[in-house]
Amino acid sequence: MQVDEGITRVFQLLGKRWTGPIVSVLIGGPAYFVDLCRAVPGISERMLSHRLTELGAAELVVREVDEGPPPRVSYRLTEAGAALDPALKELAQWAKTHLPEARRPADC
């Protein structure tokens, strides 16, 4: 028996720390960088930037520059990224049912 190739590819991307929470925040709609940082407790600005770059390369997230003043950068899910919504809702429900609560990390 061997693990499914699709599962391997999904967890190589979404299994990285912080990626799931970032996507779950963006499911609610576009967000500015600072708002994402506040919404994902414990993530550093550097790590958030790195994960957003990875998600952009995977074509799950689009970076949009809002001409200012001041100029601001927002992020939104692509159609492929938004299609993760049902799977993430199922995982969240599974976690509520089967995983004990963990302590919440400090905010960024």
PDB file of N, CA and C in Angstrom:
ATOM      1  N   MET A   1       0.844  -1.178   0.000  1.00  0.00           N
ATOM      2  CA  MET A   1       0.000   0.000   0.000  1.00  0.00           C
ATOM      3  C   MET A   1       0.888   1.239   0.000  1.00  0.00           C
ATOM      4  N   GLN A   2       0.465   2.255  -0.745  1.00  0.00           N
ATOM      5  CA  GLN A   2       1.234   3.493  -0.844  1.00  0.00           C
ATOM      6  C   GLN A   2       0.295   4.680  -0.707  1.00  0.00           C
ATOM      7  N   VAL A   3       0.800   5.761  -0.125  1.00  0.00           N
ATOM      8  CA  VAL A   3      -0.008   6.955   0.062  1.00  0.00           C
ATOM      9  C   VAL A   3      -0.368   7.558  -1.298  1.00  0.00           C
ATOM     10  N   ASP A   4      -1.567   8.106  -1.365  1.00  0.00           N
ATOM     11  CA  ASP A   4      -2.065   8.735  -2.586  1.00  0.00           C
ATOM     12  C   ASP A   4      -1.194   9.942  -2.948  1.00  0.00           C
ATOM     13  N   GLU A   5      -0.865  10.072  -4.227  1.00  0.00           N
ATOM     14  CA  GLU A   5      -0.021  11.171  -4.687  1.00  0.00           C
ATOM     15  C   GLU A   5      -0.665  12.532  -4.428  1.00  0.00           C
ATOM     16  N   GLY A   6      -1.980  12.614  -4.615  1.00  0.00           N
ATOM     17  CA  GLY A   6      -2.687  13.877  -4.368  1.00  0.00           C
ATOM     18  C   GLY A   6      -2.603  14.293  -2.914  1.00  0.00           C
ATOM     19  N   ILE A   7      -2.774  13.332  -2.003  1.00  0.00           N
ATOM     20  CA  ILE A   7      -2.673  13.632  -0.568  1.00  0.00           C
ATOM     21  C   ILE A   7      -1.276  14.135  -0.241  1.00  0.00           C
ATOM     22  N   THR A   8      -0.273  13.511  -0.827  1.00  0.00           N
ATOM     23  CA  THR A   8       1.106  13.936  -0.594  1.00  0.00           C
ATOM     24  C   THR A   8       1.297  15.378  -1.042  1.00  0.00           C
ATOM     25  N   ARG A   9       0.816  15.728  -2.229  1.00  0.00           N
ATOM     26  CA  ARG A   9       0.978  17.090  -2.748  1.00  0.00           C
ATOM     27  C   ARG A   9       0.220  18.105  -1.901  1.00  0.00           C
ATOM     28  N   VAL A  10      -0.991  17.753  -1.473  1.00  0.00           N
ATOM     29  CA  VAL A  10      -1.786  18.665  -0.641  1.00  0.00           C
ATOM     30  C   VAL A  10      -1.071  18.962   0.667  1.00  0.00           C
ATOM     31  N   PHE A  11      -0.594  17.924   1.342  1.00  0.00           N
ATOM     32  CA  PHE A  11       0.031  18.143   2.643  1.00  0.00           C
ATOM     33  C   PHE A  11       1.427  18.744   2.533  1.00  0.00           C
ATOM     34  N   GLN A  12       2.088  18.600   1.404  1.00  0.00           N
ATOM     35  CA  GLN A  12       3.369  19.290   1.217  1.00  0.00           C
ATOM     36  C   GLN A  12       3.159  20.792   1.228  1.00  0.00           C
ATOM     37  N   LEU A  13       2.033  21.256   0.740  1.00  0.00           N
ATOM     38  CA  LEU A  13       1.737  22.682   0.745  1.00  0.00           C
ATOM     39  C   LEU A  13       0.941  23.092   1.976  1.00  0.00           C
ATOM     40  N   LEU A  14      -0.221  22.496   2.149  1.00  0.00           N
ATOM     41  CA  LEU A  14      -1.120  22.925   3.225  1.00  0.00           C
ATOM     42  C   LEU A  14      -0.709  22.408   4.595  1.00  0.00           C
ATOM     43  N   GLY A  15       0.159  21.411   4.626  1.00  0.00           N
ATOM     44  CA  GLY A  15       0.606  20.864   5.899  1.00  0.00           C
ATOM     45  C   GLY A  15       1.683  21.695   6.571  1.00  0.00           C
ATOM     46  N   LYS A  16       2.175  22.696   5.873  1.00  0.00           N
ATOM     47  CA  LYS A  16       3.186  23.560   6.472  1.00  0.00           C
ATOM     48  C   LYS A  16       2.535  24.431   7.539  1.00  0.00           C
ATOM     49  N   ARG A  17       3.293  24.668   8.597  1.00  0.00           N
ATOM     50  CA  ARG A  17       2.778  25.484   9.682  1.00  0.00           C
ATOM     51  C   ARG A  17       2.317  26.836   9.153  1.00  0.00           C
ATOM     52  N   TRP A  18       1.168  27.272   9.580  1.00  0.00           N
ATOM     53  CA  TRP A  18       0.535  28.557   9.287  1.00  0.00           C
ATOM     54  C   TRP A  18      -0.259  28.591   7.992  1.00  0.00           C
ATOM     55  N   THR A  19      -0.008  27.683   7.055  1.00  0.00           N
ATOM     56  CA  THR A  19      -0.674  27.779   5.756  1.00  0.00           C
ATOM     57  C   THR A  19      -2.181  27.595   5.878  1.00  0.00           C
ATOM     58  N   GLY A  20      -2.624  26.594   6.589  1.00  0.00           N
ATOM     59  CA  GLY A  20      -4.064  26.365   6.772  1.00  0.00           C
ATOM     60  C   GLY A  20      -4.771  27.550   7.409  1.00  0.00           C
ATOM     61  N   PRO A  21      -4.247  28.072   8.515  1.00  0.00           N
ATOM     62  CA  PRO A  21      -4.893  29.243   9.112  1.00  0.00           C
ATOM     63  C   PRO A  21      -4.938  30.460   8.191  1.00  0.00           C
ATOM     64  N   ILE A  22      -3.904  30.679   7.400  1.00  0.00           N
ATOM     65  CA  ILE A  22      -3.912  31.811   6.467  1.00  0.00           C
ATOM     66  C   ILE A  22      -5.028  31.633   5.446  1.00  0.00           C
ATOM     67  N   VAL A  23      -5.114  30.449   4.876  1.00  0.00           N
ATOM     68  CA  VAL A  23      -6.165  30.180   3.884  1.00  0.00           C
ATOM     69  C   VAL A  23      -7.536  30.319   4.526  1.00  0.00           C
ATOM     70  N   SER A  24      -7.691  29.816   5.740  1.00  0.00           N
ATOM     71  CA  SER A  24      -9.006  29.891   6.387  1.00  0.00           C
ATOM     72  C   SER A  24      -9.422  31.334   6.649  1.00  0.00           C
ATOM     73  N   VAL A  25      -8.473  32.214   6.942  1.00  0.00           N
ATOM     74  CA  VAL A  25      -8.808  33.636   7.108  1.00  0.00           C
ATOM     75  C   VAL A  25      -9.236  34.230   5.771  1.00  0.00           C
ATOM     76  N   LEU A  26      -8.503  33.898   4.708  1.00  0.00           N
ATOM     77  CA  LEU A  26      -8.805  34.463   3.396  1.00  0.00           C
ATOM     78  C   LEU A  26     -10.104  33.928   2.802  1.00  0.00           C
ATOM     79  N   ILE A  27     -10.602  32.808   3.311  1.00  0.00           N
ATOM     80  CA  ILE A  27     -11.898  32.309   2.848  1.00  0.00           C
ATOM     81  C   ILE A  27     -12.985  33.329   3.171  1.00  0.00           C
ATOM     82  N   GLY A  28     -12.784  34.087   4.228  1.00  0.00           N
ATOM     83  CA  GLY A  28     -13.744  35.127   4.602  1.00  0.00           C
ATOM     84  C   GLY A  28     -13.718  36.338   3.683  1.00  0.00           C
ATOM     85  N   GLY A  29     -12.734  36.418   2.805  1.00  0.00           N
ATOM     86  CA  GLY A  29     -12.622  37.525   1.868  1.00  0.00           C
ATOM     87  C   GLY A  29     -11.225  38.101   1.868  1.00  0.00           C
ATOM     88  N   PRO A  30     -10.970  39.044   0.961  1.00  0.00           N
ATOM     89  CA  PRO A  30      -9.642  39.652   0.879  1.00  0.00           C
ATOM     90  C   PRO A  30      -9.233  40.281   2.201  1.00  0.00           C
ATOM     91  N   ALA A  31      -7.920  40.316   2.431  1.00  0.00           N
ATOM     92  CA  ALA A  31      -7.412  40.897   3.678  1.00  0.00           C
ATOM     93  C   ALA A  31      -6.080  41.587   3.420  1.00  0.00           C
ATOM     94  N   TYR A  32      -5.860  42.674   4.145  1.00  0.00           N
ATOM     95  CA  TYR A  32      -4.568  43.347   4.099  1.00  0.00           C
ATOM     96  C   TYR A  32      -3.567  42.545   4.923  1.00  0.00           C
ATOM     97  N   PHE A  33      -2.293  42.731   4.613  1.00  0.00           N
ATOM     98  CA  PHE A  33      -1.227  42.010   5.286  1.00  0.00           C
ATOM     99  C   PHE A  33      -1.332  42.149   6.803  1.00  0.00           C
ATOM    100  N   VAL A  34      -1.472  43.373   7.282  1.00  0.00           N
ATOM    101  CA  VAL A  34      -1.519  43.608   8.727  1.00  0.00           C
ATOM    102  C   VAL A  34      -2.717  42.897   9.361  1.00  0.00           C
ATOM    103  N   ASP A  35      -3.829  42.838   8.651  1.00  0.00           N
ATOM    104  CA  ASP A  35      -5.012  42.158   9.180  1.00  0.00           C
ATOM    105  C   ASP A  35      -4.790  40.653   9.242  1.00  0.00           C
ATOM    106  N   LEU A  36      -4.088  40.113   8.250  1.00  0.00           N
ATOM    107  CA  LEU A  36      -3.747  38.682   8.285  1.00  0.00           C
ATOM    108  C   LEU A  36      -2.830  38.380   9.464  1.00  0.00           C
ATOM    109  N   CYS A  37      -1.871  39.244   9.679  1.00  0.00           N
ATOM    110  CA  CYS A  37      -0.937  39.042  10.790  1.00  0.00           C
ATOM    111  C   CYS A  37      -1.674  39.024  12.123  1.00  0.00           C
ATOM    112  N   ARG A  38      -2.639  39.895  12.269  1.00  0.00           N
ATOM    113  CA  ARG A  38      -3.427  39.942  13.509  1.00  0.00           C
ATOM    114  C   ARG A  38      -4.360  38.744  13.636  1.00  0.00           C
ATOM    115  N   ALA A  39      -4.841  38.254  12.502  1.00  0.00           N
ATOM    116  CA  ALA A  39      -5.828  37.165  12.518  1.00  0.00           C
ATOM    117  C   ALA A  39      -5.209  35.795  12.757  1.00  0.00           C
ATOM    118  N   VAL A  40      -3.898  35.668  12.546  1.00  0.00           N
ATOM    119  CA  VAL A  40      -3.211  34.380  12.725  1.00  0.00           C
ATOM    120  C   VAL A  40      -2.266  34.519  13.916  1.00  0.00           C
ATOM    121  N   PRO A  41      -2.738  34.199  15.107  1.00  0.00           N
ATOM    122  CA  PRO A  41      -1.939  34.390  16.315  1.00  0.00           C
ATOM    123  C   PRO A  41      -0.621  33.620  16.267  1.00  0.00           C
ATOM    124  N   GLY A  42       0.454  34.318  16.628  1.00  0.00           N
ATOM    125  CA  GLY A  42       1.756  33.681  16.744  1.00  0.00           C
ATOM    126  C   GLY A  42       2.620  33.735  15.493  1.00  0.00           C
ATOM    127  N   ILE A  43       2.074  34.122  14.358  1.00  0.00           N
ATOM    128  CA  ILE A  43       2.865  34.154  13.128  1.00  0.00           C
ATOM    129  C   ILE A  43       3.690  35.443  13.072  1.00  0.00           C
ATOM    130  N   SER A  44       4.924  35.337  12.577  1.00  0.00           N
ATOM    131  CA  SER A  44       5.750  36.529  12.395  1.00  0.00           C
ATOM    132  C   SER A  44       5.458  37.133  11.026  1.00  0.00           C
ATOM    133  N   GLU A  45       5.783  38.392  10.852  1.00  0.00           N
ATOM    134  CA  GLU A  45       5.578  39.048   9.565  1.00  0.00           C
ATOM    135  C   GLU A  45       6.397  38.359   8.479  1.00  0.00           C
ATOM    136  N   ARG A  46       7.602  37.967   8.816  1.00  0.00           N
ATOM    137  CA  ARG A  46       8.471  37.282   7.849  1.00  0.00           C
ATOM    138  C   ARG A  46       7.861  35.956   7.395  1.00  0.00           C
ATOM    139  N   MET A  47       7.360  35.179   8.344  1.00  0.00           N
ATOM    140  CA  MET A  47       6.765  33.887   7.996  1.00  0.00           C
ATOM    141  C   MET A  47       5.478  34.083   7.198  1.00  0.00           C
ATOM    142  N   LEU A  48       4.672  35.070   7.571  1.00  0.00           N
ATOM    143  CA  LEU A  48       3.451  35.350   6.826  1.00  0.00           C
ATOM    144  C   LEU A  48       3.790  35.696   5.384  1.00  0.00           C
ATOM    145  N   SER A  49       4.777  36.542   5.194  1.00  0.00           N
ATOM    146  CA  SER A  49       5.193  36.916   3.847  1.00  0.00           C
ATOM    147  C   SER A  49       5.659  35.691   3.057  1.00  0.00           C
ATOM    148  N   HIS A  50       6.422  34.832   3.701  1.00  0.00           N
ATOM    149  CA  HIS A  50       6.919  33.610   3.051  1.00  0.00           C
ATOM    150  C   HIS A  50       5.773  32.690   2.644  1.00  0.00           C
ATOM    151  N   ARG A  51       4.837  32.467   3.559  1.00  0.00           N
ATOM    152  CA  ARG A  51       3.713  31.573   3.250  1.00  0.00           C
ATOM    153  C   ARG A  51       2.823  32.160   2.152  1.00  0.00           C
ATOM    154  N   LEU A  52       2.604  33.474   2.172  1.00  0.00           N
ATOM    155  CA  LEU A  52       1.797  34.100   1.124  1.00  0.00           C
ATOM    156  C   LEU A  52       2.485  33.971  -0.237  1.00  0.00           C
ATOM    157  N   THR A  53       3.788  34.069  -0.256  1.00  0.00           N
ATOM    158  CA  THR A  53       4.537  33.881  -1.501  1.00  0.00           C
ATOM    159  C   THR A  53       4.367  32.456  -2.013  1.00  0.00           C
ATOM    160  N   GLU A  54       4.453  31.478  -1.115  1.00  0.00           N
ATOM    161  CA  GLU A  54       4.257  30.075  -1.507  1.00  0.00           C
ATOM    162  C   GLU A  54       2.845  29.843  -2.039  1.00  0.00           C
ATOM    163  N   LEU A  55       1.860  30.397  -1.362  1.00  0.00           N
ATOM    164  CA  LEU A  55       0.478  30.239  -1.802  1.00  0.00           C
ATOM    165  C   LEU A  55       0.245  30.932  -3.139  1.00  0.00           C
ATOM    166  N   GLY A  56       0.921  32.040  -3.363  1.00  0.00           N
ATOM    167  CA  GLY A  56       0.834  32.712  -4.651  1.00  0.00           C
ATOM    168  C   GLY A  56       1.454  31.869  -5.761  1.00  0.00           C
ATOM    169  N   ALA A  57       2.605  31.264  -5.479  1.00  0.00           N
ATOM    170  CA  ALA A  57       3.272  30.410  -6.464  1.00  0.00           C
ATOM    171  C   ALA A  57       2.422  29.189  -6.804  1.00  0.00           C
ATOM    172  N   ALA A  58       1.637  28.722  -5.829  1.00  0.00           N
ATOM    173  CA  ALA A  58       0.745  27.576  -6.047  1.00  0.00           C
ATOM    174  C   ALA A  58      -0.580  28.008  -6.678  1.00  0.00           C
ATOM    175  N   GLU A  59      -0.709  29.298  -6.953  1.00  0.00           N
ATOM    176  CA  GLU A  59      -1.904  29.876  -7.561  1.00  0.00           C
ATOM    177  C   GLU A  59      -3.165  29.701  -6.715  1.00  0.00           C
ATOM    178  N   LEU A  60      -2.974  29.792  -5.393  1.00  0.00           N
ATOM    179  CA  LEU A  60      -4.101  29.744  -4.474  1.00  0.00           C
ATOM    180  C   LEU A  60      -4.433  31.131  -3.938  1.00  0.00           C
ATOM    181  N   VAL A  61      -3.466  32.040  -4.001  1.00  0.00           N
ATOM    182  CA  VAL A  61      -3.635  33.397  -3.475  1.00  0.00           C
ATOM    183  C   VAL A  61      -3.134  34.403  -4.509  1.00  0.00           C
ATOM    184  N   VAL A  62      -3.827  35.540  -4.581  1.00  0.00           N
ATOM    185  CA  VAL A  62      -3.423  36.637  -5.454  1.00  0.00           C
ATOM    186  C   VAL A  62      -3.073  37.836  -4.581  1.00  0.00           C
ATOM    187  N   ARG A  63      -1.959  38.458  -4.897  1.00  0.00           N
ATOM    188  CA  ARG A  63      -1.506  39.675  -4.212  1.00  0.00           C
ATOM    189  C   ARG A  63      -1.949  40.865  -5.058  1.00  0.00           C
ATOM    190  N   GLU A  64      -2.618  41.823  -4.415  1.00  0.00           N
ATOM    191  CA  GLU A  64      -3.094  43.000  -5.126  1.00  0.00           C
ATOM    192  C   GLU A  64      -2.613  44.257  -4.410  1.00  0.00           C
ATOM    193  N   VAL A  65      -2.033  45.173  -5.193  1.00  0.00           N
ATOM    194  CA  VAL A  65      -1.547  46.433  -4.627  1.00  0.00           C
ATOM    195  C   VAL A  65      -2.624  47.480  -4.825  1.00  0.00           C
ATOM    196  N   ASP A  66      -3.066  48.078  -3.730  1.00  0.00           N
ATOM    197  CA  ASP A  66      -4.036  49.167  -3.764  1.00  0.00           C
ATOM    198  C   ASP A  66      -3.241  50.465  -3.762  1.00  0.00           C
ATOM    199  N   GLU A  67      -3.312  51.183  -4.889  1.00  0.00           N
ATOM    200  CA  GLU A  67      -2.588  52.455  -4.965  1.00  0.00           C
ATOM    201  C   GLU A  67      -3.149  53.379  -3.904  1.00  0.00           C
ATOM    202  N   GLY A  68      -2.321  54.038  -3.200  1.00  0.00           N
ATOM    203  CA  GLY A  68      -2.711  54.825  -2.048  1.00  0.00           C
ATOM    204  C   GLY A  68      -3.320  56.157  -2.397  1.00  0.00           C
ATOM    205  N   PRO A  69      -3.032  57.146  -1.684  1.00  0.00           N
ATOM    206  CA  PRO A  69      -2.080  57.012  -0.594  1.00  0.00           C
ATOM    207  C   PRO A  69      -2.753  56.499   0.666  1.00  0.00           C
ATOM    208  N   PRO A  70      -2.090  55.822   1.512  1.00  0.00           N
ATOM    209  CA  PRO A  70      -0.823  55.145   1.254  1.00  0.00           C
ATOM    210  C   PRO A  70      -1.078  53.856   0.470  1.00  0.00           C
ATOM    211  N   PRO A  71      -0.089  53.392  -0.284  1.00  0.00           N
ATOM    212  CA  PRO A  71      -0.281  52.122  -0.990  1.00  0.00           C
ATOM    213  C   PRO A  71      -0.383  50.991   0.025  1.00  0.00           C
ATOM    214  N   ARG A  72      -1.301  50.075  -0.239  1.00  0.00           N
ATOM    215  CA  ARG A  72      -1.495  48.931   0.667  1.00  0.00           C
ATOM    216  C   ARG A  72      -1.592  47.665  -0.175  1.00  0.00           C
ATOM    217  N   VAL A  73      -1.165  46.569   0.411  1.00  0.00           N
ATOM    218  CA  VAL A  73      -1.198  45.286  -0.283  1.00  0.00           C
ATOM    219  C   VAL A  73      -2.255  44.410   0.362  1.00  0.00           C
ATOM    220  N   SER A  74      -3.131  43.863  -0.472  1.00  0.00           N
ATOM    221  CA  SER A  74      -4.140  42.931   0.029  1.00  0.00           C
ATOM    222  C   SER A  74      -3.957  41.592  -0.665  1.00  0.00           C
ATOM    223  N   TYR A  75      -4.538  40.587  -0.076  1.00  0.00           N
ATOM    224  CA  TYR A  75      -4.449  39.227  -0.593  1.00  0.00           C
ATOM    225  C   TYR A  75      -5.851  38.650  -0.656  1.00  0.00           C
ATOM    226  N   ARG A  76      -6.096  37.851  -1.696  1.00  0.00           N
ATOM    227  CA  ARG A  76      -7.378  37.161  -1.820  1.00  0.00           C
ATOM    228  C   ARG A  76      -7.129  35.785  -2.407  1.00  0.00           C
ATOM    229  N   LEU A  77      -8.068  34.899  -2.165  1.00  0.00           N
ATOM    230  CA  LEU A  77      -7.972  33.551  -2.721  1.00  0.00           C
ATOM    231  C   LEU A  77      -8.365  33.556  -4.186  1.00  0.00           C
ATOM    232  N   THR A  78      -7.710  32.715  -4.948  1.00  0.00           N
ATOM    233  CA  THR A  78      -8.128  32.462  -6.322  1.00  0.00           C
ATOM    234  C   THR A  78      -9.313  31.500  -6.268  1.00  0.00           C
ATOM    235  N   GLU A  79      -9.862  31.167  -7.406  1.00  0.00           N
ATOM    236  CA  GLU A  79     -10.948  30.188  -7.448  1.00  0.00           C
ATOM    237  C   GLU A  79     -10.494  28.854  -6.863  1.00  0.00           C
ATOM    238  N   ALA A  80      -9.255  28.462  -7.181  1.00  0.00           N
ATOM    239  CA  ALA A  80      -8.717  27.202  -6.643  1.00  0.00           C
ATOM    240  C   ALA A  80      -8.574  27.275  -5.127  1.00  0.00           C
ATOM    241  N   GLY A  81      -8.122  28.412  -4.625  1.00  0.00           N
ATOM    242  CA  GLY A  81      -7.986  28.580  -3.179  1.00  0.00           C
ATOM    243  C   GLY A  81      -9.330  28.554  -2.480  1.00  0.00           C
ATOM    244  N   ALA A  82     -10.313  29.247  -3.050  1.00  0.00           N
ATOM    245  CA  ALA A  82     -11.656  29.282  -2.463  1.00  0.00           C
ATOM    246  C   ALA A  82     -12.308  27.901  -2.469  1.00  0.00           C
ATOM    247  N   ALA A  83     -11.908  27.047  -3.404  1.00  0.00           N
ATOM    248  CA  ALA A  83     -12.468  25.702  -3.474  1.00  0.00           C
ATOM    249  C   ALA A  83     -12.048  24.835  -2.285  1.00  0.00           C
ATOM    250  N   LEU A  84     -11.094  25.305  -1.484  1.00  0.00           N
ATOM    251  CA  LEU A  84     -10.684  24.581  -0.270  1.00  0.00           C
ATOM    252  C   LEU A  84     -11.683  24.748   0.875  1.00  0.00           C
ATOM    253  N   ASP A  85     -12.608  25.681   0.751  1.00  0.00           N
ATOM    254  CA  ASP A  85     -13.547  25.981   1.832  1.00  0.00           C
ATOM    255  C   ASP A  85     -14.256  24.750   2.404  1.00  0.00           C
ATOM    256  N   PRO A  86     -14.893  23.905   1.592  1.00  0.00           N
ATOM    257  CA  PRO A  86     -15.579  22.745   2.177  1.00  0.00           C
ATOM    258  C   PRO A  86     -14.634  21.802   2.918  1.00  0.00           C
ATOM    259  N   ALA A  87     -13.445  21.583   2.369  1.00  0.00           N
ATOM    260  CA  ALA A  87     -12.483  20.682   3.020  1.00  0.00           C
ATOM    261  C   ALA A  87     -12.020  21.263   4.353  1.00  0.00           C
ATOM    262  N   LEU A  88     -11.766  22.569   4.395  1.00  0.00           N
ATOM    263  CA  LEU A  88     -11.328  23.185   5.648  1.00  0.00           C
ATOM    264  C   LEU A  88     -12.429  23.167   6.705  1.00  0.00           C
ATOM    265  N   LYS A  89     -13.676  23.352   6.275  1.00  0.00           N
ATOM    266  CA  LYS A  89     -14.790  23.271   7.230  1.00  0.00           C
ATOM    267  C   LYS A  89     -14.901  21.866   7.811  1.00  0.00           C
ATOM    268  N   GLU A  90     -14.717  20.852   6.980  1.00  0.00           N
ATOM    269  CA  GLU A  90     -14.749  19.464   7.462  1.00  0.00           C
ATOM    270  C   GLU A  90     -13.612  19.203   8.447  1.00  0.00           C
ATOM    271  N   LEU A  91     -12.420  19.689   8.132  1.00  0.00           N
ATOM    272  CA  LEU A  91     -11.283  19.507   9.037  1.00  0.00           C
ATOM    273  C   LEU A  91     -11.509  20.230  10.365  1.00  0.00           C
ATOM    274  N   ALA A  92     -12.080  21.418  10.305  1.00  0.00           N
ATOM    275  CA  ALA A  92     -12.363  22.162  11.539  1.00  0.00           C
ATOM    276  C   ALA A  92     -13.357  21.410  12.414  1.00  0.00           C
ATOM    277  N   GLN A  93     -14.384  20.850  11.793  1.00  0.00           N
ATOM    278  CA  GLN A  93     -15.370  20.084  12.555  1.00  0.00           C
ATOM    279  C   GLN A  93     -14.743  18.823  13.144  1.00  0.00           C
ATOM    280  N   TRP A  94     -13.911  18.164  12.364  1.00  0.00           N
ATOM    281  CA  TRP A  94     -13.220  16.963  12.853  1.00  0.00           C
ATOM    282  C   TRP A  94     -12.358  17.313  14.063  1.00  0.00           C
ATOM    283  N   ALA A  95     -11.634  18.444  13.985  1.00  0.00           N
ATOM    284  CA  ALA A  95     -10.768  18.860  15.085  1.00  0.00           C
ATOM    285  C   ALA A  95     -11.575  19.148  16.347  1.00  0.00           C
ATOM    286  N   LYS A  96     -12.733  19.798  16.195  1.00  0.00           N
ATOM    287  CA  LYS A  96     -13.581  20.087  17.354  1.00  0.00           C
ATOM    288  C   LYS A  96     -14.052  18.800  18.019  1.00  0.00           C
ATOM    289  N   THR A  97     -14.298  17.792  17.223  1.00  0.00           N
ATOM    290  CA  THR A  97     -14.811  16.528  17.736  1.00  0.00           C
ATOM    291  C   THR A  97     -13.713  15.636  18.316  1.00  0.00           C
ATOM    292  N   HIS A  98     -12.553  15.615  17.675  1.00  0.00           N
ATOM    293  CA  HIS A  98     -11.559  14.598  18.001  1.00  0.00           C
ATOM    294  C   HIS A  98     -10.258  15.089  18.621  1.00  0.00           C
ATOM    295  N   LEU A  99      -9.986  16.376  18.591  1.00  0.00           N
ATOM    296  CA  LEU A  99      -8.729  16.870  19.150  1.00  0.00           C
ATOM    297  C   LEU A  99      -8.981  17.701  20.399  1.00  0.00           C
ATOM    298  N   PRO A 100      -8.162  17.491  21.402  1.00  0.00           N
ATOM    299  CA  PRO A 100      -8.308  18.319  22.604  1.00  0.00           C
ATOM    300  C   PRO A 100      -7.911  19.753  22.298  1.00  0.00           C
ATOM    301  N   GLU A 101      -8.463  20.674  23.065  1.00  0.00           N
ATOM    302  CA  GLU A 101      -8.126  22.083  22.855  1.00  0.00           C
ATOM    303  C   GLU A 101      -6.684  22.330  23.260  1.00  0.00           C
ATOM    304  N   ALA A 102      -6.014  23.170  22.485  1.00  0.00           N
ATOM    305  CA  ALA A 102      -4.632  23.559  22.783  1.00  0.00           C
ATOM    306  C   ALA A 102      -4.620  25.011  23.221  1.00  0.00           C
ATOM    307  N   ARG A 103      -3.550  25.369  23.906  1.00  0.00           N
ATOM    308  CA  ARG A 103      -3.411  26.767  24.302  1.00  0.00           C
ATOM    309  C   ARG A 103      -3.158  27.616  23.067  1.00  0.00           C
ATOM    310  N   ARG A 104      -3.684  28.819  23.085  1.00  0.00           N
ATOM    311  CA  ARG A 104      -3.538  29.750  21.966  1.00  0.00           C
ATOM    312  C   ARG A 104      -2.174  30.449  22.071  1.00  0.00           C
ATOM    313  N   PRO A 105      -1.398  30.488  20.941  1.00  0.00           N
ATOM    314  CA  PRO A 105      -0.091  31.187  20.979  1.00  0.00           C
ATOM    315  C   PRO A 105      -0.262  32.702  21.084  1.00  0.00           C
ATOM    316  N   ALA A 106       0.820  33.364  21.429  1.00  0.00           N
ATOM    317  CA  ALA A 106       0.801  34.831  21.557  1.00  0.00           C
ATOM    318  C   ALA A 106       0.588  35.479  20.193  1.00  0.00           C
ATOM    319  N   ASP A 107      -0.033  36.660  20.209  1.00  0.00           N
ATOM    320  CA  ASP A 107      -0.264  37.406  18.954  1.00  0.00           C
ATOM    321  C   ASP A 107       1.037  37.987  18.428  1.00  0.00           C
ATOM    322  N   CYS A 108       0.993  38.357  17.141  1.00  0.00           N
ATOM    323  CA  CYS A 108       2.207  38.922  16.513  1.00  0.00           C
ATOM    324  C   CYS A 108       2.297  40.404  16.700  1.00  0.00           C
TER     325      CYS A 108
END
